[in-house]
Amino acid sequence: MAKGGYRGGMPMGGMNMNMIKQAQKMQQEMLKMQQEMETREYEATAGGGMITAAVNGKYELLRLTIDPEAVDPEDVEMLQDMVIAAVNEAMRKAQAESAATMGKLTGGLNLGGLL
């Protein structure tokens, strides 16, 4: 190899600075959007509205409301199932909005595990 040469690929000086700036801008926008999404709340109900669960964009359970009529000491399993259903649906809502929002930002670009 000649002095000062390089092996294949593009030399570092040949990188498109505009492309780097665009990537940095996208990264900043993604971080801002992610922070905004983490503060949002997502709510779901189960059992005809007898159970309500609220989660945030960090997928943390914030509130769980149980209508007293849903509490039947003879059927605790049904109450447990309704709680699980409400929490899972609230989590799905948070995940779906997160994916949709990030998809808009990246224009559907598959960035693998970067997000």
PDB file of N, CA and C in Angstrom:
ATOM      1  N   MET A   1       0.845  -1.156   0.000  1.00  0.00           N
ATOM      2  CA  MET A   1       0.000   0.000   0.000  1.00  0.00           C
ATOM      3  C   MET A   1       0.897   1.226   0.000  1.00  0.00           C
ATOM      4  N   ALA A   2       0.511   2.209  -0.776  1.00  0.00           N
ATOM      5  CA  ALA A   2       1.290   3.439  -0.883  1.00  0.00           C
ATOM      6  C   ALA A   2       1.147   4.253   0.383  1.00  0.00           C
ATOM      7  N   LYS A   3       2.166   5.050   0.653  1.00  0.00           N
ATOM      8  CA  LYS A   3       2.155   5.905   1.838  1.00  0.00           C
ATOM      9  C   LYS A   3       0.957   6.849   1.794  1.00  0.00           C
ATOM     10  N   GLY A   4       0.235   6.930   2.910  1.00  0.00           N
ATOM     11  CA  GLY A   4      -0.917   7.833   2.976  1.00  0.00           C
ATOM     12  C   GLY A   4      -2.161   7.243   2.337  1.00  0.00           C
ATOM     13  N   GLY A   5      -2.075   6.038   1.813  1.00  0.00           N
ATOM     14  CA  GLY A   5      -3.231   5.421   1.160  1.00  0.00           C
ATOM     15  C   GLY A   5      -4.159   4.793   2.182  1.00  0.00           C
ATOM     16  N   TYR A   6      -5.194   4.139   1.672  1.00  0.00           N
ATOM     17  CA  TYR A   6      -6.133   3.463   2.558  1.00  0.00           C
ATOM     18  C   TYR A   6      -6.564   2.184   1.885  1.00  0.00           C
ATOM     19  N   ARG A   7      -7.068   1.279   2.677  1.00  0.00           N
ATOM     20  CA  ARG A   7      -7.519  -0.002   2.153  1.00  0.00           C
ATOM     21  C   ARG A   7      -9.021   0.025   1.955  1.00  0.00           C
ATOM     22  N   GLY A   8      -9.464   0.088   0.748  1.00  0.00           N
ATOM     23  CA  GLY A   8     -10.887  -0.001   0.427  1.00  0.00           C
ATOM     24  C   GLY A   8     -11.728   1.002   1.177  1.00  0.00           C
ATOM     25  N   GLY A   9     -13.023   0.983   0.929  1.00  0.00           N
ATOM     26  CA  GLY A   9     -13.927   1.883   1.623  1.00  0.00           C
ATOM     27  C   GLY A   9     -13.675   3.331   1.252  1.00  0.00           C
ATOM     28  N   MET A  10     -14.334   4.202   1.951  1.00  0.00           N
ATOM     29  CA  MET A  10     -14.170   5.627   1.681  1.00  0.00           C
ATOM     30  C   MET A  10     -13.165   6.203   2.658  1.00  0.00           C
ATOM     31  N   PRO A  11     -12.337   7.101   2.212  1.00  0.00           N
ATOM     32  CA  PRO A  11     -11.450   7.772   3.155  1.00  0.00           C
ATOM     33  C   PRO A  11     -12.293   8.654   4.070  1.00  0.00           C
ATOM     34  N   MET A  12     -11.823   8.870   5.273  1.00  0.00           N
ATOM     35  CA  MET A  12     -12.590   9.648   6.240  1.00  0.00           C
ATOM     36  C   MET A  12     -12.931  11.028   5.707  1.00  0.00           C
ATOM     37  N   GLY A  13     -12.047  11.643   4.970  1.00  0.00           N
ATOM     38  CA  GLY A  13     -12.301  12.963   4.418  1.00  0.00           C
ATOM     39  C   GLY A  13     -13.398  12.945   3.373  1.00  0.00           C
ATOM     40  N   GLY A  14     -13.738  11.777   2.861  1.00  0.00           N
ATOM     41  CA  GLY A  14     -14.743  11.674   1.821  1.00  0.00           C
ATOM     42  C   GLY A  14     -16.164  11.530   2.348  1.00  0.00           C
ATOM     43  N   MET A  15     -16.323  11.473   3.664  1.00  0.00           N
ATOM     44  CA  MET A  15     -17.671  11.332   4.227  1.00  0.00           C
ATOM     45  C   MET A  15     -18.459  12.606   3.974  1.00  0.00           C
ATOM     46  N   ASN A  16     -19.672  12.448   3.656  1.00  0.00           N
ATOM     47  CA  ASN A  16     -20.551  13.565   3.358  1.00  0.00           C
ATOM     48  C   ASN A  16     -20.939  14.252   4.662  1.00  0.00           C
ATOM     49  N   MET A  17     -20.449  15.473   4.890  1.00  0.00           N
ATOM     50  CA  MET A  17     -20.725  16.196   6.133  1.00  0.00           C
ATOM     51  C   MET A  17     -22.214  16.499   6.274  1.00  0.00           C
ATOM     52  N   ASN A  18     -22.888  16.731   5.158  1.00  0.00           N
ATOM     53  CA  ASN A  18     -24.321  16.992   5.202  1.00  0.00           C
ATOM     54  C   ASN A  18     -25.058  15.770   5.746  1.00  0.00           C
ATOM     55  N   MET A  19     -24.616  14.602   5.353  1.00  0.00           N
ATOM     56  CA  MET A  19     -25.220  13.356   5.810  1.00  0.00           C
ATOM     57  C   MET A  19     -25.017  13.194   7.321  1.00  0.00           C
ATOM     58  N   ILE A  20     -23.846  13.540   7.803  1.00  0.00           N
ATOM     59  CA  ILE A  20     -23.542  13.451   9.231  1.00  0.00           C
ATOM     60  C   ILE A  20     -24.413  14.430  10.008  1.00  0.00           C
ATOM     61  N   LYS A  21     -24.571  15.639   9.499  1.00  0.00           N
ATOM     62  CA  LYS A  21     -25.406  16.644  10.157  1.00  0.00           C
ATOM     63  C   LYS A  21     -26.860  16.189  10.194  1.00  0.00           C
ATOM     64  N   GLN A  22     -27.328  15.582   9.112  1.00  0.00           N
ATOM     65  CA  GLN A  22     -28.708  15.077   9.078  1.00  0.00           C
ATOM     66  C   GLN A  22     -28.897  13.972  10.116  1.00  0.00           C
ATOM     67  N   ALA A  23     -27.919  13.094  10.246  1.00  0.00           N
ATOM     68  CA  ALA A  23     -28.005  12.007  11.220  1.00  0.00           C
ATOM     69  C   ALA A  23     -28.015  12.565  12.640  1.00  0.00           C
ATOM     70  N   GLN A  24     -27.198  13.580  12.897  1.00  0.00           N
ATOM     71  CA  GLN A  24     -27.168  14.198  14.221  1.00  0.00           C
ATOM     72  C   GLN A  24     -28.499  14.881  14.530  1.00  0.00           C
ATOM     73  N   LYS A  25     -29.065  15.548  13.524  1.00  0.00           N
ATOM     74  CA  LYS A  25     -30.349  16.212  13.708  1.00  0.00           C
ATOM     75  C   LYS A  25     -31.437  15.179  14.011  1.00  0.00           C
ATOM     76  N   MET A  26     -31.431  14.066  13.274  1.00  0.00           N
ATOM     77  CA  MET A  26     -32.413  13.010  13.488  1.00  0.00           C
ATOM     78  C   MET A  26     -32.269  12.435  14.888  1.00  0.00           C
ATOM     79  N   GLN A  27     -31.037  12.258  15.339  1.00  0.00           N
ATOM     80  CA  GLN A  27     -30.796  11.721  16.674  1.00  0.00           C
ATOM     81  C   GLN A  27     -31.350  12.669  17.741  1.00  0.00           C
ATOM     82  N   GLN A  28     -31.134  13.966  17.575  1.00  0.00           N
ATOM     83  CA  GLN A  28     -31.658  14.950  18.524  1.00  0.00           C
ATOM     84  C   GLN A  28     -33.186  14.936  18.533  1.00  0.00           C
ATOM     85  N   GLU A  29     -33.797  14.856  17.355  1.00  0.00           N
ATOM     86  CA  GLU A  29     -35.248  14.816  17.258  1.00  0.00           C
ATOM     87  C   GLU A  29     -35.804  13.545  17.904  1.00  0.00           C
ATOM     88  N   MET A  30     -35.108  12.430  17.710  1.00  0.00           N
ATOM     89  CA  MET A  30     -35.546  11.169  18.299  1.00  0.00           C
ATOM     90  C   MET A  30     -35.488  11.230  19.821  1.00  0.00           C
ATOM     91  N   LEU A  31     -34.421  11.812  20.365  1.00  0.00           N
ATOM     92  CA  LEU A  31     -34.301  11.930  21.816  1.00  0.00           C
ATOM     93  C   LEU A  31     -35.405  12.822  22.379  1.00  0.00           C
ATOM     94  N   LYS A  32     -35.675  13.929  21.698  1.00  0.00           N
ATOM     95  CA  LYS A  32     -36.728  14.844  22.141  1.00  0.00           C
ATOM     96  C   LYS A  32     -38.084  14.142  22.106  1.00  0.00           C
ATOM     97  N   MET A  33     -38.354  13.434  21.012  1.00  0.00           N
ATOM     98  CA  MET A  33     -39.622  12.730  20.854  1.00  0.00           C
ATOM     99  C   MET A  33     -39.761  11.636  21.912  1.00  0.00           C
ATOM    100  N   GLN A  34     -38.675  10.937  22.186  1.00  0.00           N
ATOM    101  CA  GLN A  34     -38.704   9.872  23.181  1.00  0.00           C
ATOM    102  C   GLN A  34     -39.015  10.450  24.565  1.00  0.00           C
ATOM    103  N   GLN A  35     -38.421  11.582  24.899  1.00  0.00           N
ATOM    104  CA  GLN A  35     -38.691  12.215  26.183  1.00  0.00           C
ATOM    105  C   GLN A  35     -40.149  12.651  26.278  1.00  0.00           C
ATOM    106  N   GLU A  36     -40.689  13.178  25.187  1.00  0.00           N
ATOM    107  CA  GLU A  36     -42.092  13.589  25.172  1.00  0.00           C
ATOM    108  C   GLU A  36     -43.007  12.377  25.347  1.00  0.00           C
ATOM    109  N   MET A  37     -42.694  11.286  24.669  1.00  0.00           N
ATOM    110  CA  MET A  37     -43.530  10.088  24.753  1.00  0.00           C
ATOM    111  C   MET A  37     -43.501   9.487  26.157  1.00  0.00           C
ATOM    112  N   GLU A  38     -42.366   9.601  26.847  1.00  0.00           N
ATOM    113  CA  GLU A  38     -42.255   9.042  28.192  1.00  0.00           C
ATOM    114  C   GLU A  38     -43.179   9.748  29.181  1.00  0.00           C
ATOM    115  N   THR A  39     -43.545  10.993  28.894  1.00  0.00           N
ATOM    116  CA  THR A  39     -44.414  11.742  29.807  1.00  0.00           C
ATOM    117  C   THR A  39     -45.895  11.542  29.493  1.00  0.00           C
ATOM    118  N   ARG A  40     -46.215  10.971  28.359  1.00  0.00           N
ATOM    119  CA  ARG A  40     -47.615  10.740  27.993  1.00  0.00           C
ATOM    120  C   ARG A  40     -48.212   9.607  28.806  1.00  0.00           C
ATOM    121  N   GLU A  41     -49.542   9.657  28.926  1.00  0.00           N
ATOM    122  CA  GLU A  41     -50.252   8.590  29.618  1.00  0.00           C
ATOM    123  C   GLU A  41     -51.149   7.853  28.640  1.00  0.00           C
ATOM    124  N   TYR A  42     -51.255   6.543  28.834  1.00  0.00           N
ATOM    125  CA  TYR A  42     -52.078   5.681  28.002  1.00  0.00           C
ATOM    126  C   TYR A  42     -53.007   4.916  28.936  1.00  0.00           C
ATOM    127  N   GLU A  43     -54.282   4.940  28.607  1.00  0.00           N
ATOM    128  CA  GLU A  43     -55.273   4.334  29.482  1.00  0.00           C
ATOM    129  C   GLU A  43     -56.058   3.274  28.727  1.00  0.00           C
ATOM    130  N   ALA A  44     -56.421   2.222  29.441  1.00  0.00           N
ATOM    131  CA  ALA A  44     -57.244   1.164  28.859  1.00  0.00           C
ATOM    132  C   ALA A  44     -58.158   0.614  29.944  1.00  0.00           C
ATOM    133  N   THR A  45     -59.278   0.056  29.500  1.00  0.00           N
ATOM    134  CA  THR A  45     -60.229  -0.515  30.442  1.00  0.00           C
ATOM    135  C   THR A  45     -60.483  -1.977  30.107  1.00  0.00           C
ATOM    136  N   ALA A  46     -61.028  -2.682  31.069  1.00  0.00           N
ATOM    137  CA  ALA A  46     -61.423  -4.085  30.883  1.00  0.00           C
ATOM    138  C   ALA A  46     -62.675  -4.316  31.716  1.00  0.00           C
ATOM    139  N   GLY A  47     -63.366  -5.395  31.409  1.00  0.00           N
ATOM    140  CA  GLY A  47     -64.561  -5.744  32.164  1.00  0.00           C
ATOM    141  C   GLY A  47     -65.659  -4.711  32.021  1.00  0.00           C
ATOM    142  N   GLY A  48     -65.812  -4.180  30.812  1.00  0.00           N
ATOM    143  CA  GLY A  48     -66.862  -3.193  30.582  1.00  0.00           C
ATOM    144  C   GLY A  48     -66.617  -1.895  31.329  1.00  0.00           C
ATOM    145  N   GLY A  49     -65.362  -1.551  31.563  1.00  0.00           N
ATOM    146  CA  GLY A  49     -65.019  -0.314  32.253  1.00  0.00           C
ATOM    147  C   GLY A  49     -64.874  -0.469  33.759  1.00  0.00           C
ATOM    148  N   MET A  50     -64.973  -1.694  34.247  1.00  0.00           N
ATOM    149  CA  MET A  50     -64.861  -1.907  35.690  1.00  0.00           C
ATOM    150  C   MET A  50     -63.420  -1.779  36.180  1.00  0.00           C
ATOM    151  N   ILE A  51     -62.483  -2.008  35.278  1.00  0.00           N
ATOM    152  CA  ILE A  51     -61.065  -1.892  35.606  1.00  0.00           C
ATOM    153  C   ILE A  51     -60.460  -0.887  34.627  1.00  0.00           C
ATOM    154  N   THR A  52     -59.705   0.075  35.151  1.00  0.00           N
ATOM    155  CA  THR A  52     -59.006   1.043  34.307  1.00  0.00           C
ATOM    156  C   THR A  52     -57.546   1.069  34.724  1.00  0.00           C
ATOM    157  N   ALA A  53     -56.659   0.954  33.737  1.00  0.00           N
ATOM    158  CA  ALA A  53     -55.219   1.002  33.990  1.00  0.00           C
ATOM    159  C   ALA A  53     -54.627   2.144  33.179  1.00  0.00           C
ATOM    160  N   ALA A  54     -53.695   2.862  33.775  1.00  0.00           N
ATOM    161  CA  ALA A  54     -52.987   3.940  33.086  1.00  0.00           C
ATOM    162  C   ALA A  54     -51.494   3.694  33.217  1.00  0.00           C
ATOM    163  N   VAL A  55     -50.797   3.772  32.085  1.00  0.00           N
ATOM    164  CA  VAL A  55     -49.342   3.622  32.061  1.00  0.00           C
ATOM    165  C   VAL A  55     -48.744   4.842  31.395  1.00  0.00           C
ATOM    166  N   ASN A  56     -47.445   5.040  31.599  1.00  0.00           N
ATOM    167  CA  ASN A  56     -46.774   6.129  30.899  1.00  0.00           C
ATOM    168  C   ASN A  56     -45.942   5.564  29.757  1.00  0.00           C
ATOM    169  N   GLY A  57     -45.275   6.441  29.038  1.00  0.00           N
ATOM    170  CA  GLY A  57     -44.475   6.034  27.893  1.00  0.00           C
ATOM    171  C   GLY A  57     -43.236   5.241  28.248  1.00  0.00           C
ATOM    172  N   LYS A  58     -42.936   5.147  29.540  1.00  0.00           N
ATOM    173  CA  LYS A  58     -41.832   4.301  29.996  1.00  0.00           C
ATOM    174  C   LYS A  58     -42.349   2.921  30.380  1.00  0.00           C
ATOM    175  N   TYR A  59     -43.647   2.676  30.082  1.00  0.00           N
ATOM    176  CA  TYR A  59     -44.293   1.402  30.363  1.00  0.00           C
ATOM    177  C   TYR A  59     -44.344   1.107  31.866  1.00  0.00           C
ATOM    178  N   GLU A  60     -44.583   2.164  32.640  1.00  0.00           N
ATOM    179  CA  GLU A  60     -44.755   2.018  34.085  1.00  0.00           C
ATOM    180  C   GLU A  60     -46.235   2.203  34.413  1.00  0.00           C
ATOM    181  N   LEU A  61     -46.756   1.353  35.266  1.00  0.00           N
ATOM    182  CA  LEU A  61     -48.148   1.467  35.692  1.00  0.00           C
ATOM    183  C   LEU A  61     -48.268   2.668  36.622  1.00  0.00           C
ATOM    184  N   LEU A  62     -49.143   3.610  36.249  1.00  0.00           N
ATOM    185  CA  LEU A  62     -49.335   4.818  37.043  1.00  0.00           C
ATOM    186  C   LEU A  62     -50.543   4.725  37.961  1.00  0.00           C
ATOM    187  N   ARG A  63     -51.638   4.205  37.422  1.00  0.00           N
ATOM    188  CA  ARG A  63     -52.880   4.105  38.174  1.00  0.00           C
ATOM    189  C   ARG A  63     -53.605   2.820  37.822  1.00  0.00           C
ATOM    190  N   LEU A  64     -54.321   2.329  38.790  1.00  0.00           N
ATOM    191  CA  LEU A  64     -55.186   1.178  38.585  1.00  0.00           C
ATOM    192  C   LEU A  64     -56.456   1.447  39.373  1.00  0.00           C
ATOM    193  N   THR A  65     -57.568   1.553  38.658  1.00  0.00           N
ATOM    194  CA  THR A  65     -58.847   1.829  39.293  1.00  0.00           C
ATOM    195  C   THR A  65     -59.735   0.598  39.158  1.00  0.00           C
ATOM    196  N   ILE A  66     -60.292   0.178  40.280  1.00  0.00           N
ATOM    197  CA  ILE A  66     -61.164  -0.990  40.298  1.00  0.00           C
ATOM    198  C   ILE A  66     -62.519  -0.564  40.849  1.00  0.00           C
ATOM    199  N   ASP A  67     -63.544  -0.723  40.038  1.00  0.00           N
ATOM    200  CA  ASP A  67     -64.914  -0.438  40.475  1.00  0.00           C
ATOM    201  C   ASP A  67     -65.262  -1.442  41.574  1.00  0.00           C
ATOM    202  N   PRO A  68     -65.782  -0.963  42.709  1.00  0.00           N
ATOM    203  CA  PRO A  68     -66.119  -1.892  43.801  1.00  0.00           C
ATOM    204  C   PRO A  68     -67.041  -3.039  43.378  1.00  0.00           C
ATOM    205  N   GLU A  69     -67.850  -2.811  42.349  1.00  0.00           N
ATOM    206  CA  GLU A  69     -68.734  -3.885  41.877  1.00  0.00           C
ATOM    207  C   GLU A  69     -67.958  -5.035  41.235  1.00  0.00           C
ATOM    208  N   ALA A  70     -66.720  -4.770  40.847  1.00  0.00           N
ATOM    209  CA  ALA A  70     -65.907  -5.811  40.220  1.00  0.00           C
ATOM    210  C   ALA A  70     -65.322  -6.766  41.254  1.00  0.00           C
ATOM    211  N   VAL A  71     -65.381  -6.374  42.506  1.00  0.00           N
ATOM    212  CA  VAL A  71     -64.780  -7.183  43.560  1.00  0.00           C
ATOM    213  C   VAL A  71     -65.802  -8.206  44.070  1.00  0.00           C
ATOM    214  N   ASP A  72     -65.557  -9.427  43.686  1.00  0.00           N
ATOM    215  CA  ASP A  72     -66.401 -10.530  44.126  1.00  0.00           C
ATOM    216  C   ASP A  72     -65.483 -11.529  44.827  1.00  0.00           C
ATOM    217  N   PRO A  73     -65.590 -11.636  46.152  1.00  0.00           N
ATOM    218  CA  PRO A  73     -64.699 -12.550  46.873  1.00  0.00           C
ATOM    219  C   PRO A  73     -64.779 -13.985  46.374  1.00  0.00           C
ATOM    220  N   GLU A  74     -65.875 -14.328  45.724  1.00  0.00           N
ATOM    221  CA  GLU A  74     -66.041 -15.682  45.213  1.00  0.00           C
ATOM    222  C   GLU A  74     -65.356 -15.871  43.853  1.00  0.00           C
ATOM    223  N   ASP A  75     -64.950 -14.764  43.221  1.00  0.00           N
ATOM    224  CA  ASP A  75     -64.353 -14.870  41.877  1.00  0.00           C
ATOM    225  C   ASP A  75     -63.156 -13.934  41.729  1.00  0.00           C
ATOM    226  N   VAL A  76     -62.162 -14.132  42.561  1.00  0.00           N
ATOM    227  CA  VAL A  76     -60.945 -13.315  42.527  1.00  0.00           C
ATOM    228  C   VAL A  76     -60.201 -13.510  41.197  1.00  0.00           C
ATOM    229  N   GLU A  77     -60.267 -14.687  40.634  1.00  0.00           N
ATOM    230  CA  GLU A  77     -59.565 -14.960  39.375  1.00  0.00           C
ATOM    231  C   GLU A  77     -60.059 -14.053  38.255  1.00  0.00           C
ATOM    232  N   MET A  78     -61.362 -13.799  38.186  1.00  0.00           N
ATOM    233  CA  MET A  78     -61.884 -12.923  37.146  1.00  0.00           C
ATOM    234  C   MET A  78     -61.344 -11.504  37.328  1.00  0.00           C
ATOM    235  N   LEU A  79     -61.277 -11.041  38.548  1.00  0.00           N
ATOM    236  CA  LEU A  79     -60.734  -9.714  38.831  1.00  0.00           C
ATOM    237  C   LEU A  79     -59.270  -9.647  38.399  1.00  0.00           C
ATOM    238  N   GLN A  80     -58.514 -10.659  38.727  1.00  0.00           N
ATOM    239  CA  GLN A  80     -57.109 -10.704  38.325  1.00  0.00           C
ATOM    240  C   GLN A  80     -56.976 -10.673  36.807  1.00  0.00           C
ATOM    241  N   ASP A  81     -57.806 -11.433  36.119  1.00  0.00           N
ATOM    242  CA  ASP A  81     -57.770 -11.465  34.651  1.00  0.00           C
ATOM    243  C   ASP A  81     -58.097 -10.092  34.059  1.00  0.00           C
ATOM    244  N   MET A  82     -59.082  -9.408  34.647  1.00  0.00           N
ATOM    245  CA  MET A  82     -59.451  -8.078  34.140  1.00  0.00           C
ATOM    246  C   MET A  82     -58.326  -7.071  34.365  1.00  0.00           C
ATOM    247  N   VAL A  83     -57.663  -7.159  35.504  1.00  0.00           N
ATOM    248  CA  VAL A  83     -56.533  -6.260  35.786  1.00  0.00           C
ATOM    249  C   VAL A  83     -55.418  -6.492  34.777  1.00  0.00           C
ATOM    250  N   ILE A  84     -55.095  -7.740  34.567  1.00  0.00           N
ATOM    251  CA  ILE A  84     -54.035  -8.071  33.602  1.00  0.00           C
ATOM    252  C   ILE A  84     -54.417  -7.574  32.208  1.00  0.00           C
ATOM    253  N   ALA A  85     -55.664  -7.780  31.809  1.00  0.00           N
ATOM    254  CA  ALA A  85     -56.117  -7.354  30.481  1.00  0.00           C
ATOM    255  C   ALA A  85     -56.017  -5.837  30.325  1.00  0.00           C
ATOM    256  N   ALA A  86     -56.435  -5.101  31.339  1.00  0.00           N
ATOM    257  CA  ALA A  86     -56.390  -3.639  31.252  1.00  0.00           C
ATOM    258  C   ALA A  86     -54.953  -3.133  31.200  1.00  0.00           C
ATOM    259  N   VAL A  87     -54.089  -3.675  32.032  1.00  0.00           N
ATOM    260  CA  VAL A  87     -52.682  -3.243  32.050  1.00  0.00           C
ATOM    261  C   VAL A  87     -52.009  -3.582  30.721  1.00  0.00           C
ATOM    262  N   ASN A  88     -52.225  -4.789  30.228  1.00  0.00           N
ATOM    263  CA  ASN A  88     -51.606  -5.187  28.961  1.00  0.00           C
ATOM    264  C   ASN A  88     -52.089  -4.321  27.803  1.00  0.00           C
ATOM    265  N   GLU A  89     -53.374  -3.994  27.775  1.00  0.00           N
ATOM    266  CA  GLU A  89     -53.898  -3.152  26.690  1.00  0.00           C
ATOM    267  C   GLU A  89     -53.312  -1.742  26.771  1.00  0.00           C
ATOM    268  N   ALA A  90     -53.178  -1.195  27.961  1.00  0.00           N
ATOM    269  CA  ALA A  90     -52.564   0.127  28.112  1.00  0.00           C
ATOM    270  C   ALA A  90     -51.111   0.095  27.638  1.00  0.00           C
ATOM    271  N   MET A  91     -50.395  -0.969  27.953  1.00  0.00           N
ATOM    272  CA  MET A  91     -49.004  -1.121  27.493  1.00  0.00           C
ATOM    273  C   MET A  91     -48.951  -1.211  25.970  1.00  0.00           C
ATOM    274  N   ARG A  92     -49.872  -1.964  25.374  1.00  0.00           N
ATOM    275  CA  ARG A  92     -49.901  -2.088  23.911  1.00  0.00           C
ATOM    276  C   ARG A  92     -50.143  -0.725  23.260  1.00  0.00           C
ATOM    277  N   LYS A  93     -51.031   0.062  23.851  1.00  0.00           N
ATOM    278  CA  LYS A  93     -51.293   1.401  23.312  1.00  0.00           C
ATOM    279  C   LYS A  93     -50.026   2.252  23.351  1.00  0.00           C
ATOM    280  N   ALA A  94     -49.319   2.205  24.465  1.00  0.00           N
ATOM    281  CA  ALA A  94     -48.081   2.982  24.601  1.00  0.00           C
ATOM    282  C   ALA A  94     -47.040   2.523  23.572  1.00  0.00           C
ATOM    283  N   GLN A  95     -46.900   1.215  23.413  1.00  0.00           N
ATOM    284  CA  GLN A  95     -45.922   0.683  22.456  1.00  0.00           C
ATOM    285  C   GLN A  95     -46.300   1.021  21.024  1.00  0.00           C
ATOM    286  N   ALA A  96     -47.589   0.927  20.696  1.00  0.00           N
ATOM    287  CA  ALA A  96     -48.038   1.217  19.330  1.00  0.00           C
ATOM    288  C   ALA A  96     -47.806   2.680  18.983  1.00  0.00           C
ATOM    289  N   GLU A  97     -48.109   3.579  19.917  1.00  0.00           N
ATOM    290  CA  GLU A  97     -47.884   4.994  19.627  1.00  0.00           C
ATOM    291  C   GLU A  97     -46.401   5.296  19.517  1.00  0.00           C
ATOM    292  N   SER A  98     -45.601   4.672  20.344  1.00  0.00           N
ATOM    293  CA  SER A  98     -44.158   4.857  20.283  1.00  0.00           C
ATOM    294  C   SER A  98     -43.618   4.416  18.925  1.00  0.00           C
ATOM    295  N   ALA A  99     -44.033   3.243  18.476  1.00  0.00           N
ATOM    296  CA  ALA A  99     -43.572   2.728  17.181  1.00  0.00           C
ATOM    297  C   ALA A  99     -44.047   3.611  16.035  1.00  0.00           C
ATOM    298  N   ALA A 100     -45.298   4.064  16.093  1.00  0.00           N
ATOM    299  CA  ALA A 100     -45.832   4.911  15.028  1.00  0.00           C
ATOM    300  C   ALA A 100     -45.117   6.255  14.985  1.00  0.00           C
ATOM    301  N   THR A 101     -44.863   6.825  16.143  1.00  0.00           N
ATOM    302  CA  THR A 101     -44.192   8.126  16.205  1.00  0.00           C
ATOM    303  C   THR A 101     -42.764   8.025  15.696  1.00  0.00           C
ATOM    304  N   MET A 102     -42.050   6.995  16.124  1.00  0.00           N
ATOM    305  CA  MET A 102     -40.676   6.815  15.656  1.00  0.00           C
ATOM    306  C   MET A 102     -40.655   6.494  14.167  1.00  0.00           C
ATOM    307  N   GLY A 103     -41.648   5.756  13.683  1.00  0.00           N
ATOM    308  CA  GLY A 103     -41.732   5.444  12.256  1.00  0.00           C
ATOM    309  C   GLY A 103     -41.895   6.698  11.420  1.00  0.00           C
ATOM    310  N   LYS A 104     -42.678   7.657  11.910  1.00  0.00           N
ATOM    311  CA  LYS A 104     -42.844   8.924  11.198  1.00  0.00           C
ATOM    312  C   LYS A 104     -41.521   9.675  11.138  1.00  0.00           C
ATOM    313  N   LEU A 105     -40.800   9.675  12.253  1.00  0.00           N
ATOM    314  CA  LEU A 105     -39.541  10.408  12.321  1.00  0.00           C
ATOM    315  C   LEU A 105     -38.491   9.805  11.404  1.00  0.00           C
ATOM    316  N   THR A 106     -38.418   8.477  11.367  1.00  0.00           N
ATOM    317  CA  THR A 106     -37.378   7.828  10.567  1.00  0.00           C
ATOM    318  C   THR A 106     -37.835   7.541   9.141  1.00  0.00           C
ATOM    319  N   GLY A 107     -39.074   7.884   8.835  1.00  0.00           N
ATOM    320  CA  GLY A 107     -39.587   7.645   7.486  1.00  0.00           C
ATOM    321  C   GLY A 107     -39.640   6.174   7.139  1.00  0.00           C
ATOM    322  N   GLY A 108     -39.867   5.328   8.143  1.00  0.00           N
ATOM    323  CA  GLY A 108     -39.951   3.889   7.906  1.00  0.00           C
ATOM    324  C   GLY A 108     -38.587   3.222   7.760  1.00  0.00           C
ATOM    325  N   LEU A 109     -37.530   3.976   7.974  1.00  0.00           N
ATOM    326  CA  LEU A 109     -36.174   3.447   7.870  1.00  0.00           C
ATOM    327  C   LEU A 109     -35.948   2.423   8.972  1.00  0.00           C
ATOM    328  N   ASN A 110     -35.513   1.233   8.607  1.00  0.00           N
ATOM    329  CA  ASN A 110     -35.251   0.190   9.603  1.00  0.00           C
ATOM    330  C   ASN A 110     -33.876   0.424  10.203  1.00  0.00           C
ATOM    331  N   LEU A 111     -33.857   0.851  11.463  1.00  0.00           N
ATOM    332  CA  LEU A 111     -32.586   1.132  12.124  1.00  0.00           C
ATOM    333  C   LEU A 111     -32.193   0.013  13.085  1.00  0.00           C
ATOM    334  N   GLY A 112     -32.814  -1.127  12.920  1.00  0.00           N
ATOM    335  CA  GLY A 112     -32.460  -2.287  13.749  1.00  0.00           C
ATOM    336  C   GLY A 112     -32.658  -2.005  15.212  1.00  0.00           C
ATOM    337  N   GLY A 113     -31.679  -2.306  16.022  1.00  0.00           N
ATOM    338  CA  GLY A 113     -31.775  -2.126  17.470  1.00  0.00           C
ATOM    339  C   GLY A 113     -31.377  -0.748  17.946  1.00  0.00           C
ATOM    340  N   LEU A 114     -31.264   0.206  17.058  1.00  0.00           N
ATOM    341  CA  LEU A 114     -30.817   1.542  17.475  1.00  0.00           C
ATOM    342  C   LEU A 114     -31.875   2.301  18.231  1.00  0.00           C
ATOM    343  N   LEU A 115     -33.158   1.954  18.080  1.00  0.00           N
ATOM    344  CA  LEU A 115     -34.221   2.706  18.752  1.00  0.00           C
ATOM    345  C   LEU A 115     -34.681   1.995  19.985  1.00  0.00           C
TER     346      LEU A 115
END
